[in-house]
Amino acid sequence: MRTGFNVICHATNHAMDKGRAGLISCAQHWREQYLQVTVLGIHDTPDTATACGADPVIIDLPELRIAVLNYTYGTNGIALPKDMPYAVDLLNEGQVAEDLCHYRDPFLYSYSISFCKVAAS
């Protein structure tokens, strides 16, 4: 039996807890150590951010195509780096609508939108 995962959703309210350096380190770690894992929600370069024109992620399986989107409501008051406004996919109605427009594909059977909201205890 084969187990594991191939997508990780990193857009959470804790994405910026370790600042710019932490976000970059996290993105690089996944890219360098786990090439088979698709990282969503954080970006150390603009070329993977849909807000900067990148295509949204579609996972192609033998008999199924799944679009996966990942957003967070905020970063607990921690500002995104001024030179990296694309660093975390923030939940924005306009961006979500634009991203969903990419999925008007007759062969796309499912999509998943993930966002994180941690309840206060």
N, C-alpha and C. Protein backbone atom coordinates (compact mmCIF):
# COMPACT_ATOMS: atom_id res chain seq x y z
N MET A 1 0.83 -1.17 0.00
CA MET A 1 0.00 0.00 0.00
C MET A 1 0.89 1.24 0.00
N ARG A 2 0.57 2.18 -0.85
CA ARG A 2 1.32 3.43 -0.97
C ARG A 2 0.58 4.54 -0.21
N THR A 3 1.26 5.21 0.67
CA THR A 3 0.64 6.31 1.41
C THR A 3 1.50 7.56 1.30
N GLY A 4 0.95 8.68 1.69
CA GLY A 4 1.69 9.92 1.65
C GLY A 4 0.83 11.06 1.14
N PHE A 5 1.46 12.12 0.71
CA PHE A 5 0.74 13.26 0.17
C PHE A 5 1.60 13.91 -0.89
N ASN A 6 0.96 14.65 -1.78
CA ASN A 6 1.71 15.33 -2.83
C ASN A 6 1.33 16.80 -2.95
N VAL A 7 0.50 17.30 -2.02
CA VAL A 7 0.14 18.71 -1.98
C VAL A 7 0.17 19.16 -0.53
N ILE A 8 0.75 20.31 -0.28
CA ILE A 8 0.70 20.90 1.05
C ILE A 8 0.17 22.33 0.93
N CYS A 9 -0.78 22.65 1.79
CA CYS A 9 -1.42 23.97 1.78
C CYS A 9 -0.81 24.80 2.90
N HIS A 10 0.04 25.76 2.54
CA HIS A 10 0.78 26.55 3.52
C HIS A 10 0.17 27.92 3.80
N ALA A 11 -0.87 28.33 3.10
CA ALA A 11 -1.47 29.63 3.38
C ALA A 11 -2.28 29.50 4.67
N THR A 12 -1.66 29.86 5.77
CA THR A 12 -2.33 29.87 7.07
C THR A 12 -2.00 31.19 7.75
N ASN A 13 -2.70 31.45 8.84
CA ASN A 13 -2.43 32.68 9.57
C ASN A 13 -1.04 32.67 10.20
N HIS A 14 -0.36 31.55 10.20
CA HIS A 14 1.00 31.47 10.76
C HIS A 14 2.10 31.49 9.70
N ALA A 15 1.76 31.72 8.46
CA ALA A 15 2.74 31.67 7.37
C ALA A 15 3.88 32.66 7.56
N MET A 16 3.63 33.79 8.22
CA MET A 16 4.67 34.81 8.39
C MET A 16 5.24 34.86 9.81
N ASP A 17 4.95 33.85 10.62
CA ASP A 17 5.40 33.87 12.03
C ASP A 17 6.91 34.05 12.16
N LYS A 18 7.68 33.49 11.26
CA LYS A 18 9.15 33.60 11.30
C LYS A 18 9.67 34.64 10.31
N GLY A 19 8.76 35.50 9.86
CA GLY A 19 9.16 36.60 8.98
C GLY A 19 9.50 36.15 7.57
N ARG A 20 10.10 37.09 6.86
CA ARG A 20 10.48 36.86 5.46
C ARG A 20 11.44 35.68 5.33
N ALA A 21 12.45 35.65 6.20
CA ALA A 21 13.45 34.58 6.13
C ALA A 21 12.82 33.21 6.36
N GLY A 22 11.88 33.13 7.29
CA GLY A 22 11.21 31.86 7.57
C GLY A 22 10.38 31.38 6.41
N LEU A 23 9.66 32.30 5.79
CA LEU A 23 8.83 31.93 4.63
C LEU A 23 9.71 31.45 3.48
N ILE A 24 10.78 32.16 3.20
CA ILE A 24 11.70 31.77 2.12
C ILE A 24 12.33 30.41 2.42
N SER A 25 12.75 30.22 3.66
CA SER A 25 13.36 28.96 4.05
C SER A 25 12.38 27.80 3.90
N CYS A 26 11.15 28.01 4.29
CA CYS A 26 10.11 26.98 4.17
C CYS A 26 9.87 26.62 2.70
N ALA A 27 9.69 27.62 1.86
CA ALA A 27 9.45 27.37 0.43
C ALA A 27 10.63 26.64 -0.20
N GLN A 28 11.84 27.07 0.12
CA GLN A 28 13.04 26.43 -0.44
C GLN A 28 13.19 25.00 0.05
N HIS A 29 12.87 24.77 1.31
CA HIS A 29 12.96 23.41 1.87
C HIS A 29 12.09 22.44 1.08
N TRP A 30 10.83 22.80 0.88
CA TRP A 30 9.93 21.92 0.14
C TRP A 30 10.41 21.73 -1.29
N ARG A 31 10.85 22.80 -1.93
CA ARG A 31 11.28 22.72 -3.33
C ARG A 31 12.54 21.86 -3.47
N GLU A 32 13.47 21.97 -2.53
CA GLU A 32 14.74 21.25 -2.63
C GLU A 32 14.69 19.82 -2.08
N GLN A 33 13.90 19.61 -1.05
CA GLN A 33 13.88 18.30 -0.40
C GLN A 33 12.74 17.39 -0.85
N TYR A 34 11.66 17.97 -1.36
CA TYR A 34 10.47 17.19 -1.71
C TYR A 34 9.93 17.66 -3.06
N LEU A 35 10.66 17.34 -4.11
CA LEU A 35 10.29 17.77 -5.46
C LEU A 35 8.90 17.29 -5.87
N GLN A 36 8.46 16.16 -5.33
CA GLN A 36 7.18 15.58 -5.70
C GLN A 36 6.00 16.27 -5.02
N VAL A 37 6.26 17.15 -4.05
CA VAL A 37 5.19 17.81 -3.31
C VAL A 37 4.92 19.20 -3.90
N THR A 38 3.67 19.46 -4.21
CA THR A 38 3.26 20.78 -4.69
C THR A 38 2.94 21.65 -3.48
N VAL A 39 3.60 22.79 -3.38
CA VAL A 39 3.39 23.71 -2.26
C VAL A 39 2.45 24.82 -2.70
N LEU A 40 1.38 25.01 -1.95
CA LEU A 40 0.40 26.05 -2.24
C LEU A 40 0.39 27.08 -1.12
N GLY A 41 0.02 28.31 -1.48
CA GLY A 41 -0.27 29.33 -0.48
C GLY A 41 0.87 30.23 -0.07
N ILE A 42 2.13 29.82 -0.26
CA ILE A 42 3.28 30.68 0.03
C ILE A 42 4.18 30.71 -1.20
N HIS A 43 4.89 31.83 -1.35
CA HIS A 43 5.72 32.01 -2.54
C HIS A 43 6.97 32.81 -2.19
N ASP A 44 8.12 32.27 -2.54
CA ASP A 44 9.36 33.03 -2.36
C ASP A 44 9.74 33.78 -3.62
N THR A 45 9.04 33.49 -4.71
CA THR A 45 9.21 34.22 -5.97
C THR A 45 7.83 34.45 -6.57
N PRO A 46 7.66 35.48 -7.39
CA PRO A 46 6.34 35.76 -7.94
C PRO A 46 5.87 34.76 -9.00
N ASP A 47 6.78 33.96 -9.55
CA ASP A 47 6.41 33.09 -10.66
C ASP A 47 5.45 31.96 -10.29
N THR A 48 5.22 31.72 -9.00
CA THR A 48 4.25 30.69 -8.59
C THR A 48 2.96 31.28 -8.03
N ALA A 49 2.89 32.59 -7.91
CA ALA A 49 1.73 33.25 -7.32
C ALA A 49 0.69 33.60 -8.38
N THR A 50 -0.55 33.15 -8.19
CA THR A 50 -1.60 33.49 -9.15
C THR A 50 -1.84 34.99 -9.19
N ALA A 51 -1.59 35.68 -8.07
CA ALA A 51 -1.75 37.14 -8.04
C ALA A 51 -0.77 37.82 -8.98
N CYS A 52 0.30 37.10 -9.35
CA CYS A 52 1.30 37.65 -10.28
C CYS A 52 1.19 37.02 -11.66
N GLY A 53 0.12 36.30 -11.91
CA GLY A 53 -0.10 35.74 -13.24
C GLY A 53 0.19 34.27 -13.42
N ALA A 54 0.65 33.59 -12.37
CA ALA A 54 0.90 32.15 -12.50
C ALA A 54 -0.42 31.40 -12.64
N ASP A 55 -0.40 30.30 -13.35
CA ASP A 55 -1.60 29.48 -13.48
C ASP A 55 -1.88 28.78 -12.16
N PRO A 56 -3.15 28.68 -11.76
CA PRO A 56 -3.49 27.91 -10.56
C PRO A 56 -3.10 26.44 -10.74
N VAL A 57 -2.94 25.74 -9.65
CA VAL A 57 -2.49 24.35 -9.68
C VAL A 57 -3.64 23.41 -10.02
N ILE A 58 -3.38 22.51 -10.95
CA ILE A 58 -4.30 21.43 -11.27
C ILE A 58 -3.53 20.13 -11.11
N ILE A 59 -4.05 19.24 -10.29
CA ILE A 59 -3.43 17.94 -10.07
C ILE A 59 -4.07 16.97 -11.07
N ASP A 60 -3.25 16.39 -11.92
CA ASP A 60 -3.73 15.42 -12.91
C ASP A 60 -3.51 14.01 -12.40
N LEU A 61 -4.61 13.29 -12.23
CA LEU A 61 -4.58 11.88 -11.84
C LEU A 61 -5.04 11.06 -13.03
N PRO A 62 -4.88 9.75 -13.01
CA PRO A 62 -5.24 8.96 -14.17
C PRO A 62 -6.66 9.20 -14.69
N GLU A 63 -7.64 9.32 -13.82
CA GLU A 63 -9.01 9.50 -14.28
C GLU A 63 -9.68 10.71 -13.65
N LEU A 64 -8.88 11.64 -13.15
CA LEU A 64 -9.44 12.77 -12.42
C LEU A 64 -8.48 13.95 -12.47
N ARG A 65 -9.03 15.14 -12.63
CA ARG A 65 -8.25 16.37 -12.55
C ARG A 65 -8.83 17.18 -11.40
N ILE A 66 -7.98 17.63 -10.48
CA ILE A 66 -8.44 18.38 -9.32
C ILE A 66 -7.71 19.71 -9.27
N ALA A 67 -8.47 20.77 -9.20
CA ALA A 67 -7.89 22.10 -9.01
C ALA A 67 -7.83 22.37 -7.51
N VAL A 68 -6.70 22.89 -7.06
CA VAL A 68 -6.53 23.14 -5.63
C VAL A 68 -6.14 24.59 -5.43
N LEU A 69 -6.88 25.28 -4.59
CA LEU A 69 -6.61 26.68 -4.23
C LEU A 69 -6.41 26.75 -2.73
N ASN A 70 -5.56 27.64 -2.27
CA ASN A 70 -5.28 27.75 -0.83
C ASN A 70 -5.10 29.22 -0.47
N TYR A 71 -5.85 29.68 0.52
CA TYR A 71 -5.80 31.07 0.96
C TYR A 71 -5.88 31.13 2.49
N THR A 72 -5.46 32.25 3.05
CA THR A 72 -5.65 32.50 4.47
C THR A 72 -6.30 33.86 4.65
N TYR A 73 -7.02 34.01 5.74
CA TYR A 73 -7.70 35.28 6.02
C TYR A 73 -6.74 36.38 6.43
N GLY A 74 -5.56 36.03 6.90
CA GLY A 74 -4.58 37.03 7.33
C GLY A 74 -3.37 36.36 7.94
N THR A 75 -2.45 37.17 8.42
CA THR A 75 -1.19 36.66 9.00
C THR A 75 -0.99 37.17 10.42
N ASN A 76 -2.06 37.24 11.17
CA ASN A 76 -2.01 37.66 12.58
C ASN A 76 -1.35 39.02 12.76
N GLY A 77 -1.61 39.92 11.83
CA GLY A 77 -1.09 41.27 11.94
C GLY A 77 0.34 41.45 11.47
N ILE A 78 0.98 40.38 11.03
CA ILE A 78 2.34 40.47 10.52
C ILE A 78 2.26 40.85 9.04
N ALA A 79 2.87 41.96 8.70
CA ALA A 79 2.81 42.46 7.32
C ALA A 79 3.62 41.57 6.38
N LEU A 80 3.15 41.47 5.16
CA LEU A 80 3.94 40.81 4.13
C LEU A 80 5.14 41.68 3.81
N PRO A 81 6.26 41.10 3.43
CA PRO A 81 7.43 41.91 3.07
C PRO A 81 7.08 42.89 1.95
N LYS A 82 7.55 44.11 2.06
CA LYS A 82 7.23 45.14 1.05
C LYS A 82 7.65 44.72 -0.35
N ASP A 83 8.77 43.98 -0.45
CA ASP A 83 9.23 43.55 -1.77
C ASP A 83 8.64 42.20 -2.20
N MET A 84 7.74 41.64 -1.35
CA MET A 84 7.12 40.35 -1.65
C MET A 84 5.61 40.38 -1.33
N PRO A 85 4.86 41.26 -1.98
CA PRO A 85 3.42 41.32 -1.69
C PRO A 85 2.68 40.05 -2.07
N TYR A 86 3.32 39.18 -2.82
CA TYR A 86 2.77 37.90 -3.28
C TYR A 86 3.10 36.76 -2.34
N ALA A 87 3.82 37.00 -1.24
CA ALA A 87 4.39 35.96 -0.40
C ALA A 87 3.37 34.96 0.14
N VAL A 88 2.19 35.43 0.52
CA VAL A 88 1.15 34.56 1.08
C VAL A 88 -0.15 34.83 0.32
N ASP A 89 -0.84 33.78 -0.07
CA ASP A 89 -2.12 33.93 -0.76
C ASP A 89 -3.19 34.29 0.27
N LEU A 90 -3.54 35.57 0.29
CA LEU A 90 -4.55 36.06 1.21
C LEU A 90 -5.94 35.91 0.59
N LEU A 91 -6.91 35.60 1.44
CA LEU A 91 -8.28 35.42 0.97
C LEU A 91 -8.83 36.76 0.51
N ASN A 92 -9.02 36.85 -0.79
CA ASN A 92 -9.49 38.08 -1.44
C ASN A 92 -10.51 37.65 -2.48
N GLU A 93 -11.73 38.14 -2.34
CA GLU A 93 -12.81 37.70 -3.21
C GLU A 93 -12.48 37.86 -4.69
N GLY A 94 -11.88 38.97 -5.06
CA GLY A 94 -11.53 39.20 -6.45
C GLY A 94 -10.51 38.20 -6.97
N GLN A 95 -9.48 37.91 -6.15
CA GLN A 95 -8.45 36.95 -6.57
C GLN A 95 -9.03 35.54 -6.67
N VAL A 96 -9.89 35.17 -5.71
CA VAL A 96 -10.50 33.84 -5.76
C VAL A 96 -11.34 33.70 -7.04
N ALA A 97 -12.14 34.72 -7.34
CA ALA A 97 -12.97 34.69 -8.55
C ALA A 97 -12.10 34.57 -9.80
N GLU A 98 -11.01 35.32 -9.83
CA GLU A 98 -10.10 35.26 -10.98
C GLU A 98 -9.46 33.88 -11.10
N ASP A 99 -9.03 33.33 -9.95
CA ASP A 99 -8.42 32.00 -9.97
C ASP A 99 -9.42 30.94 -10.45
N LEU A 100 -10.67 31.04 -10.00
CA LEU A 100 -11.68 30.07 -10.40
C LEU A 100 -11.97 30.14 -11.90
N CYS A 101 -11.81 31.30 -12.50
CA CYS A 101 -12.04 31.44 -13.94
C CYS A 101 -11.11 30.57 -14.76
N HIS A 102 -9.94 30.23 -14.20
CA HIS A 102 -8.99 29.36 -14.91
C HIS A 102 -9.49 27.92 -15.00
N TYR A 103 -10.52 27.60 -14.20
CA TYR A 103 -10.97 26.21 -14.11
C TYR A 103 -12.21 25.92 -14.93
N ARG A 104 -12.45 26.66 -15.96
CA ARG A 104 -13.60 26.39 -16.84
C ARG A 104 -13.17 25.39 -17.91
N ASP A 105 -12.82 24.22 -17.43
CA ASP A 105 -12.29 23.16 -18.27
C ASP A 105 -13.27 21.98 -18.23
N PRO A 106 -13.76 21.50 -19.36
CA PRO A 106 -14.74 20.40 -19.34
C PRO A 106 -14.19 19.10 -18.78
N PHE A 107 -12.88 18.98 -18.68
CA PHE A 107 -12.29 17.76 -18.16
C PHE A 107 -11.88 17.87 -16.69
N LEU A 108 -12.19 19.00 -16.08
CA LEU A 108 -11.88 19.19 -14.67
C LEU A 108 -13.09 18.75 -13.86
N TYR A 109 -12.92 17.75 -13.04
CA TYR A 109 -14.05 17.16 -12.34
C TYR A 109 -14.28 17.72 -10.94
N SER A 110 -13.28 18.27 -10.33
CA SER A 110 -13.43 18.68 -8.95
C SER A 110 -12.48 19.83 -8.65
N TYR A 111 -12.82 20.63 -7.68
CA TYR A 111 -11.87 21.61 -7.18
C TYR A 111 -12.02 21.74 -5.68
N SER A 112 -10.96 22.15 -5.05
CA SER A 112 -10.94 22.28 -3.61
C SER A 112 -10.37 23.65 -3.28
N ILE A 113 -11.06 24.37 -2.41
CA ILE A 113 -10.55 25.64 -1.91
C ILE A 113 -10.28 25.47 -0.44
N SER A 114 -9.07 25.72 -0.05
CA SER A 114 -8.67 25.56 1.34
C SER A 114 -8.31 26.90 1.93
N PHE A 115 -8.84 27.19 3.11
CA PHE A 115 -8.38 28.37 3.83
C PHE A 115 -8.40 28.07 5.31
N CYS A 116 -7.56 28.76 6.03
CA CYS A 116 -7.37 28.46 7.44
C CYS A 116 -7.93 29.58 8.31
N LYS A 117 -8.65 29.19 9.32
CA LYS A 117 -9.13 30.11 10.36
C LYS A 117 -9.00 29.36 11.66
N VAL A 118 -8.13 29.80 12.53
CA VAL A 118 -7.93 29.16 13.81
C VAL A 118 -8.79 29.85 14.84
N ALA A 119 -9.63 29.10 15.52
CA ALA A 119 -10.51 29.68 16.53
C ALA A 119 -9.73 29.96 17.81
N ALA A 120 -10.06 31.07 18.44
CA ALA A 120 -9.43 31.39 19.72
C ALA A 120 -9.99 30.49 20.79
N SER A 121 -9.11 30.10 21.73
CA SER A 121 -9.58 29.20 22.79
C SER A 121 -9.92 29.95 24.04
